[in-house]
All heavy atoms as atom14 arrays in JSON, in Angstrom:
{
  "sequence": "SLVVANSRKAHRLLHAAKQADAADGGTRAGRLKEALLE",
  "atom14_mask": [
    [1, 1, 1, 1, 1, 1, 0, 0, 0, 0, 0, 0, 0, 0],
    [1, 1, 1, 1, 1, 1, 1, 1, 0, 0, 0, 0, 0, 0],
    [1, 1, 1, 1, 1, 1, 1, 0, 0, 0, 0, 0, 0, 0],
    [1, 1, 1, 1, 1, 1, 1, 0, 0, 0, 0, 0, 0, 0],
    [1, 1, 1, 1, 1, 0, 0, 0, 0, 0, 0, 0, 0, 0],
    [1, 1, 1, 1, 1, 1, 1, 1, 0, 0, 0, 0, 0, 0],
    [1, 1, 1, 1, 1, 1, 0, 0, 0, 0, 0, 0, 0, 0],
    [1, 1, 1, 1, 1, 1, 1, 1, 1, 1, 1, 0, 0, 0],
    [1, 1, 1, 1, 1, 1, 1, 1, 1, 0, 0, 0, 0, 0],
    [1, 1, 1, 1, 1, 0, 0, 0, 0, 0, 0, 0, 0, 0],
    [1, 1, 1, 1, 1, 1, 1, 1, 1, 1, 0, 0, 0, 0],
    [1, 1, 1, 1, 1, 1, 1, 1, 1, 1, 1, 0, 0, 0],
    [1, 1, 1, 1, 1, 1, 1, 1, 0, 0, 0, 0, 0, 0],
    [1, 1, 1, 1, 1, 1, 1, 1, 0, 0, 0, 0, 0, 0],
    [1, 1, 1, 1, 1, 1, 1, 1, 1, 1, 0, 0, 0, 0],
    [1, 1, 1, 1, 1, 0, 0, 0, 0, 0, 0, 0, 0, 0],
    [1, 1, 1, 1, 1, 0, 0, 0, 0, 0, 0, 0, 0, 0],
    [1, 1, 1, 1, 1, 1, 1, 1, 1, 0, 0, 0, 0, 0],
    [1, 1, 1, 1, 1, 1, 1, 1, 1, 0, 0, 0, 0, 0],
    [1, 1, 1, 1, 1, 0, 0, 0, 0, 0, 0, 0, 0, 0],
    [1, 1, 1, 1, 1, 1, 1, 1, 0, 0, 0, 0, 0, 0],
    [1, 1, 1, 1, 1, 0, 0, 0, 0, 0, 0, 0, 0, 0],
    [1, 1, 1, 1, 1, 0, 0, 0, 0, 0, 0, 0, 0, 0],
    [1, 1, 1, 1, 1, 1, 1, 1, 0, 0, 0, 0, 0, 0],
    [1, 1, 1, 1, 0, 0, 0, 0, 0, 0, 0, 0, 0, 0],
    [1, 1, 1, 1, 0, 0, 0, 0, 0, 0, 0, 0, 0, 0],
    [1, 1, 1, 1, 1, 1, 1, 0, 0, 0, 0, 0, 0, 0],
    [1, 1, 1, 1, 1, 1, 1, 1, 1, 1, 1, 0, 0, 0],
    [1, 1, 1, 1, 1, 0, 0, 0, 0, 0, 0, 0, 0, 0],
    [1, 1, 1, 1, 0, 0, 0, 0, 0, 0, 0, 0, 0, 0],
    [1, 1, 1, 1, 1, 1, 1, 1, 1, 1, 1, 0, 0, 0],
    [1, 1, 1, 1, 1, 1, 1, 1, 0, 0, 0, 0, 0, 0],
    [1, 1, 1, 1, 1, 1, 1, 1, 1, 0, 0, 0, 0, 0],
    [1, 1, 1, 1, 1, 1, 1, 1, 1, 0, 0, 0, 0, 0],
    [1, 1, 1, 1, 1, 0, 0, 0, 0, 0, 0, 0, 0, 0],
    [1, 1, 1, 1, 1, 1, 1, 1, 0, 0, 0, 0, 0, 0],
    [1, 1, 1, 1, 1, 1, 1, 1, 0, 0, 0, 0, 0, 0],
    [1, 1, 1, 1, 1, 1, 1, 1, 1, 0, 0, 0, 0, 0]
  ],
  "atom14_positions": [
    [[1.79, -9.58, -19.55], [1.13, -10.26, -18.41], [0.37, -9.35, -17.5], [-0.29, -9.79, -16.57], [2.23, -11.0, -17.57], [2.87, -11.97, -18.37], [0.0, 0.0, 0.0], [0.0, 0.0, 0.0], [0.0, 0.0, 0.0], [0.0, 0.0, 0.0], [0.0, 0.0, 0.0], [0.0, 0.0, 0.0], [0.0, 0.0, 0.0], [0.0, 0.0, 0.0]],
    [[0.5, -7.99, -17.74], [-0.12, -7.03, -16.87], [-1.64, -7.18, -16.83], [-2.27, -7.33, -17.89], [0.26, -5.65, -17.27], [-0.13, -4.48, -16.38], [0.9, -3.37, -16.46], [-1.53, -3.91, -16.83], [0.0, 0.0, 0.0], [0.0, 0.0, 0.0], [0.0, 0.0, 0.0], [0.0, 0.0, 0.0], [0.0, 0.0, 0.0], [0.0, 0.0, 0.0]],
    [[-2.21, -7.15, -15.64], [-3.68, -7.23, -15.46], [-4.23, -5.82, -15.34], [-3.89, -5.16, -14.33], [-4.06, -8.09, -14.23], [-5.58, -8.13, -14.09], [-3.47, -9.48, -14.38], [0.0, 0.0, 0.0], [0.0, 0.0, 0.0], [0.0, 0.0, 0.0], [0.0, 0.0, 0.0], [0.0, 0.0, 0.0], [0.0, 0.0, 0.0], [0.0, 0.0, 0.0]],
    [[-5.0, -5.38, -16.27], [-5.62, -4.06, -16.2], [-6.72, -4.06, -15.17], [-7.65, -4.89, -15.25], [-6.17, -3.67, -17.59], [-6.81, -2.3, -17.53], [-5.1, -3.66, -18.63], [0.0, 0.0, 0.0], [0.0, 0.0, 0.0], [0.0, 0.0, 0.0], [0.0, 0.0, 0.0], [0.0, 0.0, 0.0], [0.0, 0.0, 0.0], [0.0, 0.0, 0.0]],
    [[-6.58, -3.2, -14.19], [-7.54, -3.26, -13.04], [-7.6, -1.86, -12.39], [-6.68, -1.04, -12.47], [-7.1, -4.27, -11.99], [0.0, 0.0, 0.0], [0.0, 0.0, 0.0], [0.0, 0.0, 0.0], [0.0, 0.0, 0.0], [0.0, 0.0, 0.0], [0.0, 0.0, 0.0], [0.0, 0.0, 0.0], [0.0, 0.0, 0.0], [0.0, 0.0, 0.0]],
    [[-8.71, -1.67, -11.68], [-8.89, -0.42, -10.94], [-7.97, -0.47, -9.69], [-7.91, -1.46, -8.99], [-10.37, -0.3, -10.49], [-10.67, 1.11, -10.01], [-10.11, 1.54, -9.01], [-11.66, 1.76, -10.65], [0.0, 0.0, 0.0], [0.0, 0.0, 0.0], [0.0, 0.0, 0.0], [0.0, 0.0, 0.0], [0.0, 0.0, 0.0], [0.0, 0.0, 0.0]],
    [[-7.31, 0.66, -9.44], [-6.36, 0.7, -8.32], [-6.94, 1.23, -7.01], [-6.2, 1.38, -6.02], [-5.17, 1.62, -8.74], [-5.61, 2.93, -8.95], [0.0, 0.0, 0.0], [0.0, 0.0, 0.0], [0.0, 0.0, 0.0], [0.0, 0.0, 0.0], [0.0, 0.0, 0.0], [0.0, 0.0, 0.0], [0.0, 0.0, 0.0], [0.0, 0.0, 0.0]],
    [[-8.25, 1.47, -6.95], [-8.83, 2.13, -5.79], [-8.64, 1.31, -4.48], [-8.25, 1.84, -3.43], [-10.31, 2.35, -6.04], [-10.99, 3.28, -4.97], [-10.66, 4.66, -5.24], [-11.42, 5.62, -4.39], [-11.58, 6.87, -4.66], [-11.13, 7.4, -5.75], [-12.26, 7.64, -3.8], [0.0, 0.0, 0.0], [0.0, 0.0, 0.0], [0.0, 0.0, 0.0]],
    [[-8.88, -0.04, -4.57], [-8.72, -0.88, -3.35], [-7.33, -0.83, -2.91], [-6.99, -0.8, -1.68], [-9.13, -2.27, -3.65], [-10.69, -2.5, -3.74], [-10.96, -3.96, -4.0], [-12.43, -4.18, -4.04], [-12.74, -5.66, -4.25], [0.0, 0.0, 0.0], [0.0, 0.0, 0.0], [0.0, 0.0, 0.0], [0.0, 0.0, 0.0], [0.0, 0.0, 0.0]],
    [[-6.36, -0.83, -3.8], [-4.97, -0.81, -3.45], [-4.57, 0.5, -2.74], [-3.78, 0.48, -1.78], [-4.08, -0.97, -4.73], [0.0, 0.0, 0.0], [0.0, 0.0, 0.0], [0.0, 0.0, 0.0], [0.0, 0.0, 0.0], [0.0, 0.0, 0.0], [0.0, 0.0, 0.0], [0.0, 0.0, 0.0], [0.0, 0.0, 0.0], [0.0, 0.0, 0.0]],
    [[-5.22, 1.62, -3.15], [-4.95, 2.84, -2.46], [-5.54, 2.86, -1.07], [-4.93, 3.37, -0.12], [-5.55, 4.0, -3.24], [-4.72, 4.39, -4.45], [-3.47, 4.91, -4.3], [-4.97, 4.32, -5.78], [-2.94, 5.17, -5.55], [-3.87, 4.83, -6.43], [0.0, 0.0, 0.0], [0.0, 0.0, 0.0], [0.0, 0.0, 0.0], [0.0, 0.0, 0.0]],
    [[-6.7, 2.22, -0.88], [-7.28, 2.06, 0.44], [-6.33, 1.29, 1.36], [-6.1, 1.64, 2.55], [-8.65, 1.42, 0.45], [-9.69, 2.21, -0.29], [-11.01, 1.48, -0.23], [-11.95, 2.01, -1.24], [-12.68, 1.25, -2.04], [-12.63, -0.05, -2.06], [-13.49, 1.83, -2.93], [0.0, 0.0, 0.0], [0.0, 0.0, 0.0], [0.0, 0.0, 0.0]],
    [[-5.79, 0.21, 0.81], [-4.85, -0.62, 1.57], [-3.61, 0.17, 1.93], [-3.12, 0.02, 3.06], [-4.47, -1.85, 0.68], [-3.66, -2.92, 1.37], [-4.43, -3.53, 2.52], [-3.22, -4.0, 0.41], [0.0, 0.0, 0.0], [0.0, 0.0, 0.0], [0.0, 0.0, 0.0], [0.0, 0.0, 0.0], [0.0, 0.0, 0.0], [0.0, 0.0, 0.0]],
    [[-3.12, 1.0, 1.02], [-1.97, 1.83, 1.36], [-2.26, 2.82, 2.51], [-1.41, 2.98, 3.4], [-1.5, 2.66, 0.15], [-0.56, 1.95, -0.82], [-0.43, 2.7, -2.13], [0.86, 1.82, -0.19], [0.0, 0.0, 0.0], [0.0, 0.0, 0.0], [0.0, 0.0, 0.0], [0.0, 0.0, 0.0], [0.0, 0.0, 0.0], [0.0, 0.0, 0.0]],
    [[-3.47, 3.31, 2.53], [-3.82, 4.17, 3.65], [-3.95, 3.43, 4.98], [-3.61, 3.97, 6.05], [-5.14, 4.92, 3.34], [-4.93, 6.17, 2.57], [-4.63, 7.36, 3.14], [-4.91, 6.39, 1.21], [-4.45, 8.32, 2.25], [-4.66, 7.77, 1.03], [0.0, 0.0, 0.0], [0.0, 0.0, 0.0], [0.0, 0.0, 0.0], [0.0, 0.0, 0.0]],
    [[-4.33, 2.21, 4.92], [-4.31, 1.39, 6.12], [-2.94, 1.16, 6.64], [-2.67, 1.23, 7.81], [-4.99, 0.01, 5.86], [0.0, 0.0, 0.0], [0.0, 0.0, 0.0], [0.0, 0.0, 0.0], [0.0, 0.0, 0.0], [0.0, 0.0, 0.0], [0.0, 0.0, 0.0], [0.0, 0.0, 0.0], [0.0, 0.0, 0.0], [0.0, 0.0, 0.0]],
    [[-1.99, 0.99, 5.69], [-0.56, 0.82, 6.06], [-0.04, 2.1, 6.66], [0.73, 2.11, 7.63], [0.24, 0.38, 4.84], [0.0, 0.0, 0.0], [0.0, 0.0, 0.0], [0.0, 0.0, 0.0], [0.0, 0.0, 0.0], [0.0, 0.0, 0.0], [0.0, 0.0, 0.0], [0.0, 0.0, 0.0], [0.0, 0.0, 0.0], [0.0, 0.0, 0.0]],
    [[-0.37, 3.2, 6.07], [0.04, 4.54, 6.59], [-0.52, 4.73, 8.03], [0.18, 5.29, 8.93], [-0.37, 5.69, 5.68], [0.41, 5.72, 4.39], [-0.29, 6.6, 3.33], [-0.46, 8.02, 3.77], [-1.01, 8.85, 2.69], [0.0, 0.0, 0.0], [0.0, 0.0, 0.0], [0.0, 0.0, 0.0], [0.0, 0.0, 0.0], [0.0, 0.0, 0.0]],
    [[-1.78, 4.35, 8.22], [-2.41, 4.49, 9.5], [-1.66, 3.66, 10.56], [-1.42, 4.13, 11.68], [-3.83, 4.13, 9.4], [-4.69, 4.44, 10.61], [-6.18, 4.19, 10.39], [-6.57, 3.01, 9.96], [-7.01, 5.16, 10.47], [0.0, 0.0, 0.0], [0.0, 0.0, 0.0], [0.0, 0.0, 0.0], [0.0, 0.0, 0.0], [0.0, 0.0, 0.0]],
    [[-1.27, 2.45, 10.19], [-0.57, 1.56, 11.14], [0.82, 2.14, 11.44], [1.27, 2.06, 12.59], [-0.49, 0.14, 10.57], [0.0, 0.0, 0.0], [0.0, 0.0, 0.0], [0.0, 0.0, 0.0], [0.0, 0.0, 0.0], [0.0, 0.0, 0.0], [0.0, 0.0, 0.0], [0.0, 0.0, 0.0], [0.0, 0.0, 0.0], [0.0, 0.0, 0.0]],
    [[1.44, 2.66, 10.41], [2.79, 3.25, 10.58], [2.72, 4.46, 11.53], [3.62, 4.63, 12.4], [3.38, 3.7, 9.24], [3.76, 2.56, 8.35], [3.83, 1.41, 8.84], [3.99, 2.8, 7.16], [0.0, 0.0, 0.0], [0.0, 0.0, 0.0], [0.0, 0.0, 0.0], [0.0, 0.0, 0.0], [0.0, 0.0, 0.0], [0.0, 0.0, 0.0]],
    [[1.66, 5.24, 11.44], [1.56, 6.42, 12.27], [1.41, 6.01, 13.75], [1.79, 6.77, 14.64], [0.35, 7.25, 11.84], [0.0, 0.0, 0.0], [0.0, 0.0, 0.0], [0.0, 0.0, 0.0], [0.0, 0.0, 0.0], [0.0, 0.0, 0.0], [0.0, 0.0, 0.0], [0.0, 0.0, 0.0], [0.0, 0.0, 0.0], [0.0, 0.0, 0.0]],
    [[0.88, 4.81, 14.01], [0.64, 4.37, 15.36], [1.91, 3.86, 16.03], [2.11, 4.01, 17.24], [-0.43, 3.31, 15.39], [0.0, 0.0, 0.0], [0.0, 0.0, 0.0], [0.0, 0.0, 0.0], [0.0, 0.0, 0.0], [0.0, 0.0, 0.0], [0.0, 0.0, 0.0], [0.0, 0.0, 0.0], [0.0, 0.0, 0.0], [0.0, 0.0, 0.0]],
    [[2.79, 3.28, 15.2], [4.01, 2.69, 15.82], [5.35, 3.01, 15.17], [6.38, 2.42, 15.49], [3.84, 1.17, 15.93], [3.75, 0.51, 14.55], [4.06, 1.14, 13.52], [3.33, -0.69, 14.52], [0.0, 0.0, 0.0], [0.0, 0.0, 0.0], [0.0, 0.0, 0.0], [0.0, 0.0, 0.0], [0.0, 0.0, 0.0], [0.0, 0.0, 0.0]],
    [[5.29, 3.97, 14.22], [6.54, 4.34, 13.52], [7.06, 3.32, 12.59], [8.25, 3.29, 12.24], [0.0, 0.0, 0.0], [0.0, 0.0, 0.0], [0.0, 0.0, 0.0], [0.0, 0.0, 0.0], [0.0, 0.0, 0.0], [0.0, 0.0, 0.0], [0.0, 0.0, 0.0], [0.0, 0.0, 0.0], [0.0, 0.0, 0.0], [0.0, 0.0, 0.0]],
    [[6.2, 2.44, 12.08], [6.6, 1.39, 11.15], [6.86, 1.91, 9.72], [6.73, 3.14, 9.44], [0.0, 0.0, 0.0], [0.0, 0.0, 0.0], [0.0, 0.0, 0.0], [0.0, 0.0, 0.0], [0.0, 0.0, 0.0], [0.0, 0.0, 0.0], [0.0, 0.0, 0.0], [0.0, 0.0, 0.0], [0.0, 0.0, 0.0], [0.0, 0.0, 0.0]],
    [[7.19, 0.98, 8.86], [7.49, 1.32, 7.46], [6.7, 0.48, 6.52], [7.14, 0.15, 5.36], [9.01, 1.08, 7.2], [9.36, -0.28, 7.47], [9.9, 2.03, 8.03], [0.0, 0.0, 0.0], [0.0, 0.0, 0.0], [0.0, 0.0, 0.0], [0.0, 0.0, 0.0], [0.0, 0.0, 0.0], [0.0, 0.0, 0.0], [0.0, 0.0, 0.0]],
    [[5.47, 0.1, 6.9], [4.66, -0.79, 6.06], [4.3, -0.13, 4.71], [4.27, -0.81, 3.7], [3.39, -1.14, 6.79], [3.61, -1.84, 8.15], [2.3, -1.99, 8.91], [2.38, -2.44, 10.25], [2.73, -1.67, 11.3], [2.91, -0.34, 11.08], [2.8, -2.16, 12.52], [0.0, 0.0, 0.0], [0.0, 0.0, 0.0], [0.0, 0.0, 0.0]],
    [[4.0, 1.17, 4.77], [3.5, 1.82, 3.53], [4.53, 1.8, 2.45], [4.22, 1.56, 1.26], [3.09, 3.25, 3.84], [0.0, 0.0, 0.0], [0.0, 0.0, 0.0], [0.0, 0.0, 0.0], [0.0, 0.0, 0.0], [0.0, 0.0, 0.0], [0.0, 0.0, 0.0], [0.0, 0.0, 0.0], [0.0, 0.0, 0.0], [0.0, 0.0, 0.0]],
    [[5.8, 2.01, 2.81], [6.86, 2.0, 1.8], [7.06, 0.64, 1.21], [7.22, 0.47, 0.02], [0.0, 0.0, 0.0], [0.0, 0.0, 0.0], [0.0, 0.0, 0.0], [0.0, 0.0, 0.0], [0.0, 0.0, 0.0], [0.0, 0.0, 0.0], [0.0, 0.0, 0.0], [0.0, 0.0, 0.0], [0.0, 0.0, 0.0], [0.0, 0.0, 0.0]],
    [[7.02, -0.42, 2.1], [7.16, -1.74, 1.61], [5.96, -2.18, 0.75], [6.13, -2.83, -0.3], [7.32, -2.77, 2.75], [8.55, -2.51, 3.62], [8.9, -3.73, 4.46], [7.86, -4.07, 5.4], [7.67, -3.51, 6.6], [8.53, -2.62, 7.07], [6.67, -3.93, 7.42], [0.0, 0.0, 0.0], [0.0, 0.0, 0.0], [0.0, 0.0, 0.0]],
    [[4.77, -1.77, 1.13], [3.59, -2.12, 0.38], [3.55, -1.37, -0.98], [3.16, -2.02, -1.98], [2.31, -1.77, 1.21], [0.95, -2.03, 0.48], [0.89, -3.51, 0.14], [-0.17, -1.63, 1.41], [0.0, 0.0, 0.0], [0.0, 0.0, 0.0], [0.0, 0.0, 0.0], [0.0, 0.0, 0.0], [0.0, 0.0, 0.0], [0.0, 0.0, 0.0]],
    [[3.91, -0.18, -1.0], [3.98, 0.57, -2.28], [4.89, -0.11, -3.29], [4.54, -0.31, -4.43], [4.45, 2.01, -2.07], [4.5, 2.85, -3.33], [3.07, 3.18, -3.78], [3.1, 4.11, -4.95], [1.76, 4.51, -5.4], [0.0, 0.0, 0.0], [0.0, 0.0, 0.0], [0.0, 0.0, 0.0], [0.0, 0.0, 0.0], [0.0, 0.0, 0.0]],
    [[6.04, -0.54, -2.81], [7.02, -1.26, -3.68], [6.4, -2.59, -4.15], [6.47, -2.93, -5.3], [8.29, -1.54, -2.9], [9.31, -2.38, -3.64], [9.91, -1.69, -4.82], [9.95, -0.43, -4.89], [10.47, -2.39, -5.69], [0.0, 0.0, 0.0], [0.0, 0.0, 0.0], [0.0, 0.0, 0.0], [0.0, 0.0, 0.0], [0.0, 0.0, 0.0]],
    [[5.79, -3.32, -3.24], [5.2, -4.63, -3.59], [4.08, -4.47, -4.59], [3.92, -5.3, -5.48], [4.72, -5.36, -2.32], [0.0, 0.0, 0.0], [0.0, 0.0, 0.0], [0.0, 0.0, 0.0], [0.0, 0.0, 0.0], [0.0, 0.0, 0.0], [0.0, 0.0, 0.0], [0.0, 0.0, 0.0], [0.0, 0.0, 0.0], [0.0, 0.0, 0.0]],
    [[3.24, -3.42, -4.46], [2.15, -3.22, -5.35], [2.63, -2.9, -6.77], [2.16, -3.44, -7.77], [1.22, -2.08, -4.87], [0.33, -2.42, -3.65], [-0.22, -1.17, -3.06], [-0.77, -3.35, -4.11], [0.0, 0.0, 0.0], [0.0, 0.0, 0.0], [0.0, 0.0, 0.0], [0.0, 0.0, 0.0], [0.0, 0.0, 0.0], [0.0, 0.0, 0.0]],
    [[3.63, -2.02, -6.87], [4.19, -1.65, -8.18], [4.9, -2.81, -8.83], [4.71, -3.09, -10.01], [5.14, -0.47, -8.02], [4.52, 0.88, -7.66], [5.56, 1.87, -7.22], [3.78, 1.42, -8.85], [0.0, 0.0, 0.0], [0.0, 0.0, 0.0], [0.0, 0.0, 0.0], [0.0, 0.0, 0.0], [0.0, 0.0, 0.0], [0.0, 0.0, 0.0]],
    [[5.67, -3.57, -8.03], [6.33, -4.71, -8.6], [5.34, -5.82, -9.01], [5.46, -6.41, -10.1], [7.32, -5.3, -7.54], [8.07, -6.51, -8.07], [9.01, -7.06, -7.03], [8.66, -7.03, -5.81], [10.11, -7.57, -7.42], [0.0, 0.0, 0.0], [0.0, 0.0, 0.0], [0.0, 0.0, 0.0], [0.0, 0.0, 0.0], [0.0, 0.0, 0.0]]
  ]
}
């Protein structure tokens, strides 16, 4: 069922999550990384 696709947009999204975490000490990046892989 795996969809072969370019991961570049997903990496940009991860950086947005890291940027938001840096501003308020959140844990979005870790949750997003897990969700993307799953």
